[in-house]
C-alpha atoms as a PDB file:
ATOM      1  CA  MET A   1     103.234  81.302 120.913  1.00  0.00           C
ATOM      2  CA  LYS A   2     102.158  77.833 119.724  1.00  0.00           C
ATOM      3  CA  LYS A   3      98.772  79.086 118.567  1.00  0.00           C
ATOM      4  CA  TYR A   4     100.347  81.729 116.353  1.00  0.00           C
ATOM      5  CA  PHE A   5     102.759  79.195 114.877  1.00  0.00           C
ATOM      6  CA  LEU A   6      99.794  76.929 114.131  1.00  0.00           C
ATOM      7  CA  TYR A   7      97.990  79.865 112.527  1.00  0.00           C
ATOM      8  CA  PHE A   8     101.162  80.531 110.522  1.00  0.00           C
ATOM      9  CA  LYS A   9     101.021  76.996 109.079  1.00  0.00           C
ATOM     10  CA  ILE A  10      97.292  77.260 108.336  1.00  0.00           C
ATOM     11  CA  CYS A  11      97.810  80.540 106.454  1.00  0.00           C
ATOM     12  CA  LEU A  12     100.654  78.973 104.490  1.00  0.00           C
ATOM     13  CA  TYR A  13      98.541  75.979 103.464  1.00  0.00           C
ATOM     14  CA  GLN A  14      95.726  78.270 102.301  1.00  0.00           C
ATOM     15  CA  TYR A  15      97.874  79.583  99.447  1.00  0.00           C
ATOM     16  CA  PHE A  16      97.978  76.162  97.817  1.00  0.00           C
ATOM     17  CA  ILE A  17      94.331  75.167  98.201  1.00  0.00           C
ATOM     18  CA  TYR A  18      93.212  77.002  95.065  1.00  0.00           C
ATOM     19  CA  ARG A  19      96.147  76.085  92.835  1.00  0.00           C
ATOM     20  CA  ILE A  20      94.775  77.580  89.608  1.00  0.00           C
ATOM     21  CA  ASN A  21      94.264  80.976  91.270  1.00  0.00           C
ATOM     22  CA  PHE A  22      97.762  80.771  92.697  1.00  0.00           C
ATOM     23  CA  ILE A  23      99.301  79.944  89.302  1.00  0.00           C
ATOM     24  CA  PHE A  24      97.514  82.832  87.569  1.00  0.00           C
ATOM     25  CA  TRP A  25      98.521  85.187  90.382  1.00  0.00           C
ATOM     26  CA  ARG A  26     102.194  84.340  89.920  1.00  0.00           C
ATOM     27  CA  LEU A  27     101.905  84.354  86.113  1.00  0.00           C
ATOM     28  CA  ARG A  28     100.553  87.903  86.227  1.00  0.00           C
ATOM     29  CA  ASN A  29     103.519  88.978  88.305  1.00  0.00           C
ATOM     30  CA  PHE A  30     105.945  87.190  85.971  1.00  0.00           C
ATOM     31  CA  LEU A  31     104.492  88.865  82.873  1.00  0.00           C
ATOM     32  CA  ASN A  32     104.592  92.257  84.587  1.00  0.00           C
ATOM     33  CA  ILE A  33     108.359  91.939  85.125  1.00  0.00           C
ATOM     34  CA  ILE A  34     108.862  90.956  81.475  1.00  0.00           C
ATOM     35  CA  PHE A  35     106.778  93.917  80.307  1.00  0.00           C
ATOM     36  CA  LEU A  36     108.751  96.415  82.399  1.00  0.00           C
ATOM     37  CA  TYR A  37     112.034  94.845  81.372  1.00  0.00           C
ATOM     38  CA  PHE A  38     111.414  95.226  77.630  1.00  0.00           C
ATOM     39  CA  LEU A  39     109.719  98.605  78.015  1.00  0.00           C
ATOM     40  CA  TRP A  40     112.446 100.399  79.936  1.00  0.00           C
ATOM     41  CA  THR A  41     115.460  98.726  78.359  1.00  0.00           C
ATOM     42  CA  SER A  42     114.078  99.781  74.972  1.00  0.00           C
ATOM     43  CA  ILE A  43     113.336 103.337  76.111  1.00  0.00           C
ATOM     44  CA  ASN A  44     116.740 103.684  77.753  1.00  0.00           C
ATOM     45  CA  LYS A  45     118.475 102.894  74.453  1.00  0.00           C
ATOM     46  CA  THR A  46     116.874 105.920  72.781  1.00  0.00           C
ATOM     47  CA  ASN A  47     116.801 108.371  75.724  1.00  0.00           C
ATOM     48  CA  SER A  48     119.552 109.773  77.898  1.00  0.00           C
ATOM     49  CA  PHE A  49     118.286 109.001  81.409  1.00  0.00           C
ATOM     50  CA  SER A  50     120.600 109.225  84.397  1.00  0.00           C
ATOM     51  CA  TYR A  51     120.707 105.420  84.540  1.00  0.00           C
ATOM     52  CA  THR A  52     123.060 103.081  82.750  1.00  0.00           C
ATOM     53  CA  GLN A  53     121.536 100.001  81.159  1.00  0.00           C
ATOM     54  CA  ASP A  54     122.919  97.843  83.994  1.00  0.00           C
ATOM     55  CA  GLN A  55     121.399 100.109  86.638  1.00  0.00           C
ATOM     56  CA  LEU A  56     118.021 100.182  84.934  1.00  0.00           C
ATOM     57  CA  VAL A  57     117.877  96.399  84.606  1.00  0.00           C
ATOM     58  CA  SER A  58     118.844  96.098  88.266  1.00  0.00           C
ATOM     59  CA  TYR A  59     116.119  98.612  89.161  1.00  0.00           C
ATOM     60  CA  ILE A  60     113.434  96.617  87.313  1.00  0.00           C
ATOM     61  CA  PHE A  61     114.247  93.374  89.096  1.00  0.00           C
ATOM     62  CA  LEU A  62     114.842  95.056  92.438  1.00  0.00           C
ATOM     63  CA  ILE A  63     111.495  96.884  92.539  1.00  0.00           C
ATOM     64  CA  ASN A  64     109.727  93.572  91.988  1.00  0.00           C
ATOM     65  CA  LEU A  65     111.476  92.099  95.001  1.00  0.00           C
ATOM     66  CA  LEU A  66     110.860  95.233  97.081  1.00  0.00           C
ATOM     67  CA  TYR A  67     107.178  95.147  96.176  1.00  0.00           C
ATOM     68  CA  ALA A  68     107.005  91.583  97.496  1.00  0.00           C
ATOM     69  CA  ILE A  69     108.799  92.543 100.704  1.00  0.00           C
ATOM     70  CA  ILE A  70     107.059  95.850 101.434  1.00  0.00           C
ATOM     71  CA  LEU A  71     103.685  96.082  99.701  1.00  0.00           C
ATOM     72  CA  SER A  72     102.362  92.518  99.692  1.00  0.00           C
ATOM     73  CA  THR A  73      99.538  92.308 102.221  1.00  0.00           C
ATOM     74  CA  ARG A  74      96.533  90.352 103.423  1.00  0.00           C
ATOM     75  CA  THR A  75      94.917  93.274 105.247  1.00  0.00           C
ATOM     76  CA  GLU A  76      92.299  93.468 102.486  1.00  0.00           C
ATOM     77  CA  GLU A  77      90.578  90.607 104.360  1.00  0.00           C
ATOM     78  CA  ILE A  78      89.958  92.759 107.446  1.00  0.00           C
ATOM     79  CA  PRO A  79      86.941  94.676 106.025  1.00  0.00           C
ATOM     80  CA  GLN A  80      85.073  91.428 105.419  1.00  0.00           C
ATOM     81  CA  LEU A  81      85.750  90.354 109.005  1.00  0.00           C
ATOM     82  CA  ILE A  82      84.320  93.662 110.216  1.00  0.00           C
ATOM     83  CA  ILE A  83      81.287  93.752 107.916  1.00  0.00           C
ATOM     84  CA  SER A  84      80.329  90.112 108.548  1.00  0.00           C
ATOM     85  CA  GLY A  85      80.855  90.348 112.300  1.00  0.00           C
ATOM     86  CA  GLU A  86      83.504  87.604 112.259  1.00  0.00           C
ATOM     87  CA  ILE A  87      85.876  90.010 113.958  1.00  0.00           C
ATOM     88  CA  MET A  88      83.888  89.531 117.188  1.00  0.00           C
ATOM     89  CA  ASN A  89      84.751  85.836 117.156  1.00  0.00           C
ATOM     90  CA  ILE A  90      88.412  86.854 117.223  1.00  0.00           C
ATOM     91  CA  ILE A  91      88.563  89.749 119.679  1.00  0.00           C
ATOM     92  CA  THR A  92      86.417  87.903 122.269  1.00  0.00           C
ATOM     93  CA  LYS A  93      88.896  85.002 122.349  1.00  0.00           C
ATOM     94  CA  PRO A  94      92.161  84.898 124.352  1.00  0.00           C
ATOM     95  CA  ILE A  95      94.202  85.779 121.268  1.00  0.00           C
ATOM     96  CA  SER A  96      95.462  89.041 119.865  1.00  0.00           C
ATOM     97  CA  PHE A  97      93.717  90.234 116.712  1.00  0.00           C
ATOM     98  CA  PHE A  98      96.762  92.228 115.645  1.00  0.00           C
ATOM     99  CA  LYS A  99      99.167  89.339 116.277  1.00  0.00           C
ATOM    100  CA  LEU A 100      97.024  87.207 113.983  1.00  0.00           C
ATOM    101  CA  ILE A 101      97.083  89.920 111.318  1.00  0.00           C
ATOM    102  CA  ILE A 102     100.858  90.310 111.647  1.00  0.00           C
ATOM    103  CA  THR A 103     101.299  86.529 111.420  1.00  0.00           C
ATOM    104  CA  LYS A 104      99.279  86.478 108.223  1.00  0.00           C
ATOM    105  CA  GLU A 105     101.307  89.409 106.881  1.00  0.00           C
ATOM    106  CA  ILE A 106     104.571  87.551 107.556  1.00  0.00           C
ATOM    107  CA  VAL A 107     103.298  84.478 105.703  1.00  0.00           C
ATOM    108  CA  ASP A 108     102.172  86.571 102.755  1.00  0.00           C
ATOM    109  CA  LYS A 109     105.506  88.358 102.496  1.00  0.00           C
ATOM    110  CA  LEU A 110     107.519  85.141 102.768  1.00  0.00           C
ATOM    111  CA  VAL A 111     105.473  83.479 100.015  1.00  0.00           C
ATOM    112  CA  ASN A 112     105.779  86.544  97.785  1.00  0.00           C
ATOM    113  CA  ILE A 113     109.512  86.859  98.389  1.00  0.00           C
ATOM    114  CA  PHE A 114     110.125  83.161  97.708  1.00  0.00           C
ATOM    115  CA  PHE A 115     108.281  83.090  94.394  1.00  0.00           C
ATOM    116  CA  SER A 116     109.553  86.524  93.342  1.00  0.00           C
ATOM    117  CA  LEU A 117     113.105  85.251  93.752  1.00  0.00           C
ATOM    118  CA  ILE A 118     112.266  82.196  91.635  1.00  0.00           C
ATOM    119  CA  GLU A 119     110.704  84.362  88.909  1.00  0.00           C
ATOM    120  CA  ILE A 120     113.599  86.821  88.909  1.00  0.00           C
ATOM    121  CA  SER A 121     116.127  83.973  88.793  1.00  0.00           C
ATOM    122  CA  LEU A 122     114.300  82.434  85.842  1.00  0.00           C
ATOM    123  CA  LEU A 123     114.305  85.729  83.945  1.00  0.00           C
ATOM    124  CA  ILE A 124     117.993  86.244  84.697  1.00  0.00           C
ATOM    125  CA  PHE A 125     118.687  82.766  83.312  1.00  0.00           C
ATOM    126  CA  ILE A 126     116.656  83.526  80.158  1.00  0.00           C
ATOM    127  CA  PHE A 127     117.890  87.063  79.384  1.00  0.00           C
ATOM    128  CA  GLN A 128     121.296  86.929  81.130  1.00  0.00           C
ATOM    129  CA  PRO A 129     121.431  90.713  81.690  1.00  0.00           C
ATOM    130  CA  ASN A 130     124.260  92.620  83.298  1.00  0.00           C
ATOM    131  CA  PHE A 131     123.645  93.936  86.797  1.00  0.00           C
ATOM    132  CA  TYR A 132     124.807  96.807  88.918  1.00  0.00           C
ATOM    133  CA  PHE A 133     125.800  95.778  92.459  1.00  0.00           C
ATOM    134  CA  GLN A 134     126.097  98.258  95.291  1.00  0.00           C
ATOM    135  CA  LYS A 135     129.488  97.912  96.984  1.00  0.00           C
ATOM    136  CA  ASN A 136     129.009 100.675  99.533  1.00  0.00           C
ATOM    137  CA  ILE A 137     128.221  98.908 102.833  1.00  0.00           C
ATOM    138  CA  PHE A 138     126.783 102.075 104.367  1.00  0.00           C
ATOM    139  CA  SER A 139     124.272 102.422 101.497  1.00  0.00           C
ATOM    140  CA  LEU A 140     123.201  98.777 101.925  1.00  0.00           C
ATOM    141  CA  ILE A 141     122.664  99.232 105.673  1.00  0.00           C
ATOM    142  CA  ILE A 142     120.638 102.406 105.111  1.00  0.00           C
ATOM    143  CA  MET A 143     118.619 100.611 102.436  1.00  0.00           C
ATOM    144  CA  ILE A 144     117.718  97.815 104.878  1.00  0.00           C
ATOM    145  CA  ILE A 145     116.642 100.395 107.470  1.00  0.00           C
ATOM    146  CA  PHE A 146     114.402 102.139 104.952  1.00  0.00           C
ATOM    147  CA  ILE A 147     112.906  98.799 103.847  1.00  0.00           C
ATOM    148  CA  PHE A 148     112.015  98.008 107.454  1.00  0.00           C
ATOM    149  CA  LEU A 149     110.442 101.447 107.941  1.00  0.00           C
ATOM    150  CA  ALA A 150     108.547 101.119 104.648  1.00  0.00           C
ATOM    151  CA  ILE A 151     107.044  97.794 105.800  1.00  0.00           C
ATOM    152  CA  ILE A 152     105.757  99.480 108.978  1.00  0.00           C
ATOM    153  CA  LEU A 153     104.386 102.473 107.065  1.00  0.00           C
ATOM    154  CA  SER A 154     102.679 100.270 104.491  1.00  0.00           C
ATOM    155  CA  PHE A 155     101.062  98.198 107.252  1.00  0.00           C
ATOM    156  CA  PHE A 156      99.570 101.220 109.016  1.00  0.00           C
ATOM    157  CA  ILE A 157      98.219 102.676 105.752  1.00  0.00           C
ATOM    158  CA  ASP A 158      96.621  99.332 104.884  1.00  0.00           C
ATOM    159  CA  LEU A 159      95.030  99.241 108.336  1.00  0.00           C
ATOM    160  CA  ILE A 160      93.588 102.732 107.838  1.00  0.00           C
ATOM    161  CA  ILE A 161      91.954 101.690 104.573  1.00  0.00           C
ATOM    162  CA  SER A 162      90.675  98.453 106.134  1.00  0.00           C
ATOM    163  CA  PHE A 163      89.210 100.197 109.198  1.00  0.00           C
ATOM    164  CA  LEU A 164      86.972 102.265 106.928  1.00  0.00           C
ATOM    165  CA  ALA A 165      84.750  99.169 107.077  1.00  0.00           C
ATOM    166  CA  PHE A 166      83.635 100.265 110.542  1.00  0.00           C
ATOM    167  CA  TRP A 167      81.711 103.099 108.871  1.00  0.00           C
ATOM    168  CA  SER A 168      81.150 101.884 105.314  1.00  0.00           C
ATOM    169  CA  THR A 169      80.646  98.559 103.575  1.00  0.00           C
ATOM    170  CA  GLU A 170      82.522  99.930 100.546  1.00  0.00           C
ATOM    171  CA  THR A 171      86.263  99.655 101.122  1.00  0.00           C
ATOM    172  CA  TRP A 172      87.253  98.093  97.810  1.00  0.00           C
ATOM    173  CA  ALA A 173      87.130 101.389  95.886  1.00  0.00           C
ATOM    174  CA  PRO A 174      89.423 103.362  98.271  1.00  0.00           C
ATOM    175  CA  ARG A 175      91.913 100.489  98.297  1.00  0.00           C
ATOM    176  CA  PHE A 176      91.821 100.195  94.500  1.00  0.00           C
ATOM    177  CA  ILE A 177      92.376 103.940  94.043  1.00  0.00           C
ATOM    178  CA  PHE A 178      95.171 103.943  96.617  1.00  0.00           C
ATOM    179  CA  TYR A 179      97.059 101.133  94.874  1.00  0.00           C
ATOM    180  CA  ILE A 180      96.655 102.742  91.465  1.00  0.00           C
ATOM    181  CA  VAL A 181      98.186 105.949  92.848  1.00  0.00           C
ATOM    182  CA  LEU A 182     100.801 103.919  94.700  1.00  0.00           C
ATOM    183  CA  SER A 183     101.876 101.988  91.601  1.00  0.00           C
ATOM    184  CA  ILE A 184     102.617 105.290  89.851  1.00  0.00           C
ATOM    185  CA  LEU A 185     104.072 107.396  92.664  1.00  0.00           C
ATOM    186  CA  SER A 186     106.080 104.683  94.434  1.00  0.00           C
ATOM    187  CA  GLY A 187     108.387 104.089  91.488  1.00  0.00           C
ATOM    188  CA  SER A 188     106.967 100.647  90.734  1.00  0.00           C
ATOM    189  CA  ILE A 189     106.559 101.525  87.057  1.00  0.00           C
ATOM    190  CA  PHE A 190     109.420 103.969  86.453  1.00  0.00           C
ATOM    191  CA  PRO A 191     112.219 105.653  88.441  1.00  0.00           C
ATOM    192  CA  LEU A 192     110.782 108.819  89.932  1.00  0.00           C
ATOM    193  CA  ASP A 193     113.874 110.937  89.330  1.00  0.00           C
ATOM    194  CA  ILE A 194     113.167 111.009  85.588  1.00  0.00           C
ATOM    195  CA  LEU A 195     110.288 113.376  86.431  1.00  0.00           C
ATOM    196  CA  PRO A 196     110.754 117.163  86.402  1.00  0.00           C
ATOM    197  CA  SER A 197     112.779 118.299  89.403  1.00  0.00           C
ATOM    198  CA  THR A 198     109.941 120.266  91.070  1.00  0.00           C
ATOM    199  CA  ILE A 199     107.514 117.346  90.909  1.00  0.00           C
ATOM    200  CA  TYR A 200     110.207 114.959  92.104  1.00  0.00           C
ATOM    201  CA  GLN A 201     111.059 117.101  95.145  1.00  0.00           C
ATOM    202  CA  LEU A 202     107.382 117.427  96.063  1.00  0.00           C
ATOM    203  CA  LEU A 203     106.898 113.664  95.799  1.00  0.00           C
ATOM    204  CA  LEU A 204     109.724 113.122  98.286  1.00  0.00           C
ATOM    205  CA  LEU A 205     107.564 114.865 100.912  1.00  0.00           C
ATOM    206  CA  THR A 206     104.867 112.185 100.497  1.00  0.00           C
ATOM    207  CA  PRO A 207     105.135 108.595 101.772  1.00  0.00           C
ATOM    208  CA  PHE A 208     104.928 107.036  98.287  1.00  0.00           C
ATOM    209  CA  PRO A 209     108.577 107.170  97.096  1.00  0.00           C
ATOM    210  CA  TYR A 210     109.784 105.457 100.260  1.00  0.00           C
ATOM    211  CA  PHE A 211     107.968 102.205  99.524  1.00  0.00           C
ATOM    212  CA  VAL A 212     109.924 101.148  96.442  1.00  0.00           C
ATOM    213  CA  TYR A 213     111.835 103.921  94.698  1.00  0.00           C
ATOM    214  CA  PHE A 214     113.969 105.189  97.569  1.00  0.00           C
ATOM    215  CA  PRO A 215     115.286 101.783  98.776  1.00  0.00           C
ATOM    216  CA  ALA A 216     116.044 100.885  95.151  1.00  0.00           C
ATOM    217  CA  LYS A 217     117.814 104.222  94.657  1.00  0.00           C
ATOM    218  CA  LEU A 218     119.989 103.550  97.692  1.00  0.00           C
ATOM    219  CA  PHE A 219     121.056 100.268  96.118  1.00  0.00           C
ATOM    220  CA  LEU A 220     121.856 101.812  92.743  1.00  0.00           C
ATOM    221  CA  THR A 221     123.724 104.943  93.803  1.00  0.00           C
ATOM    222  CA  PRO A 222     126.180 105.735  96.612  1.00  0.00           C
ATOM    223  CA  THR A 223     124.651 107.588  99.539  1.00  0.00           C
ATOM    224  CA  ASN A 224     126.135 110.978  98.824  1.00  0.00           C
ATOM    225  CA  TYR A 225     123.251 113.160  99.977  1.00  0.00           C
ATOM    226  CA  SER A 226     121.511 113.827 103.271  1.00  0.00           C
ATOM    227  CA  ILE A 227     119.652 110.799 104.551  1.00  0.00           C
ATOM    228  CA  ILE A 228     118.489 112.447 107.786  1.00  0.00           C
ATOM    229  CA  SER A 229     115.816 114.567 106.100  1.00  0.00           C
ATOM    230  CA  HIS A 230     114.363 111.534 104.288  1.00  0.00           C
ATOM    231  CA  LEU A 231     114.473 109.479 107.464  1.00  0.00           C
ATOM    232  CA  PHE A 232     112.650 112.272 109.278  1.00  0.00           C
ATOM    233  CA  ILE A 233     109.920 112.354 106.595  1.00  0.00           C
ATOM    234  CA  VAL A 234     109.357 108.582 106.835  1.00  0.00           C
ATOM    235  CA  LEU A 235     109.218 108.648 110.635  1.00  0.00           C
ATOM    236  CA  ILE A 236     106.709 111.508 110.573  1.00  0.00           C
ATOM    237  CA  TRP A 237     104.463 109.547 108.199  1.00  0.00           C
ATOM    238  CA  ILE A 238     104.755 106.439 110.378  1.00  0.00           C
ATOM    239  CA  LEU A 239     103.661 108.426 113.433  1.00  0.00           C
ATOM    240  CA  ILE A 240     100.759 110.025 111.548  1.00  0.00           C
ATOM    241  CA  THR A 241      99.483 106.726 110.148  1.00  0.00           C
ATOM    242  CA  PHE A 242      99.979 104.908 113.456  1.00  0.00           C
ATOM    243  CA  PHE A 243      97.928 107.410 115.442  1.00  0.00           C
ATOM    244  CA  LEU A 244      95.271 107.604 112.727  1.00  0.00           C
ATOM    245  CA  SER A 245      94.908 103.807 112.560  1.00  0.00           C
ATOM    246  CA  PHE A 246      94.869 103.624 116.382  1.00  0.00           C
ATOM    247  CA  ILE A 247      92.122 106.258 116.639  1.00  0.00           C
ATOM    248  CA  MET A 248      90.062 104.574 113.889  1.00  0.00           C
ATOM    249  CA  TRP A 249      90.354 101.192 115.636  1.00  0.00           C
ATOM    250  CA  LYS A 250      89.346 102.540 119.048  1.00  0.00           C
ATOM    251  CA  ARG A 251      86.395 104.532 117.739  1.00  0.00           C
ATOM    252  CA  GLY A 252      85.361 101.790 115.356  1.00  0.00           C
ATOM    253  CA  ILE A 253      85.288  99.081 118.019  1.00  0.00           C
ATOM    254  CA  LYS A 254      83.568 101.398 120.505  1.00  0.00           C
ATOM    255  CA  ASN A 255      80.623 102.059 118.187  1.00  0.00           C
ATOM    256  CA  TYR A 256      80.745  98.724 116.348  1.00  0.00           C
ATOM    257  CA  SER A 257      77.549  97.045 115.185  1.00  0.00           C
ATOM    258  CA  PHE A 258      76.727  94.551 112.469  1.00  0.00           C
ATOM    259  CA  TYR A 259      73.894  92.484 111.097  1.00  0.00           C
ATOM    260  CA  GLY A 260      74.310  89.016 112.579  1.00  0.00           C
ATOM    261  CA  ARG A 261      73.443  85.664 111.160  1.00  0.00           C
END
């Protein structure tokens, strides 16, 4: 356990080595929240969405925090480990490759959550908006469950994209396309239920809404509809992505080769 705790500290220190990159990374996130805040509060004043102004403001800040909790990741470093052959230096040692990856993921999420909370607090202090707070304990518990499941689902999908490096040196493009689609269909830009009903219902059969939109929706509205069907959909996607990532890892390692130094 000590070695993973040491690796935890090393990963944490790495964030502050390149301070300029770190500052610009957080500044981009800060400006994105401001953009969404002004965009949707302005639109909501002239359109009759199903959200009050308080709910919409809460949604904007909440999705930023959910993104930090669920979708922040360091798995994009795995392809380079595979392509360069560095992965062999890890899997041939008495340490678990996946425990190292999970440790790095925990660090990344904690850093993102910490600074997201600071940025959100600063914006709340500046704009002093009104918020909607969920008082239904059952909805809050269900939201936490769905957040936990979304973290697992996101991790397996990221592994699938990363393991493409066993067969191709080009993994940046699939990841880029995936996150473009994800930013639109997860509710990170707008609440998905403002879409036409048919499109909205079809989206609920995909994994995308359950990353950001659905947990946020549980916070903003009482749980007055069937949760079991949505839980079933998420669990099915977790099983599919788990088995697919497992198969890709086994086959990839079995036939693995690289150009050494």
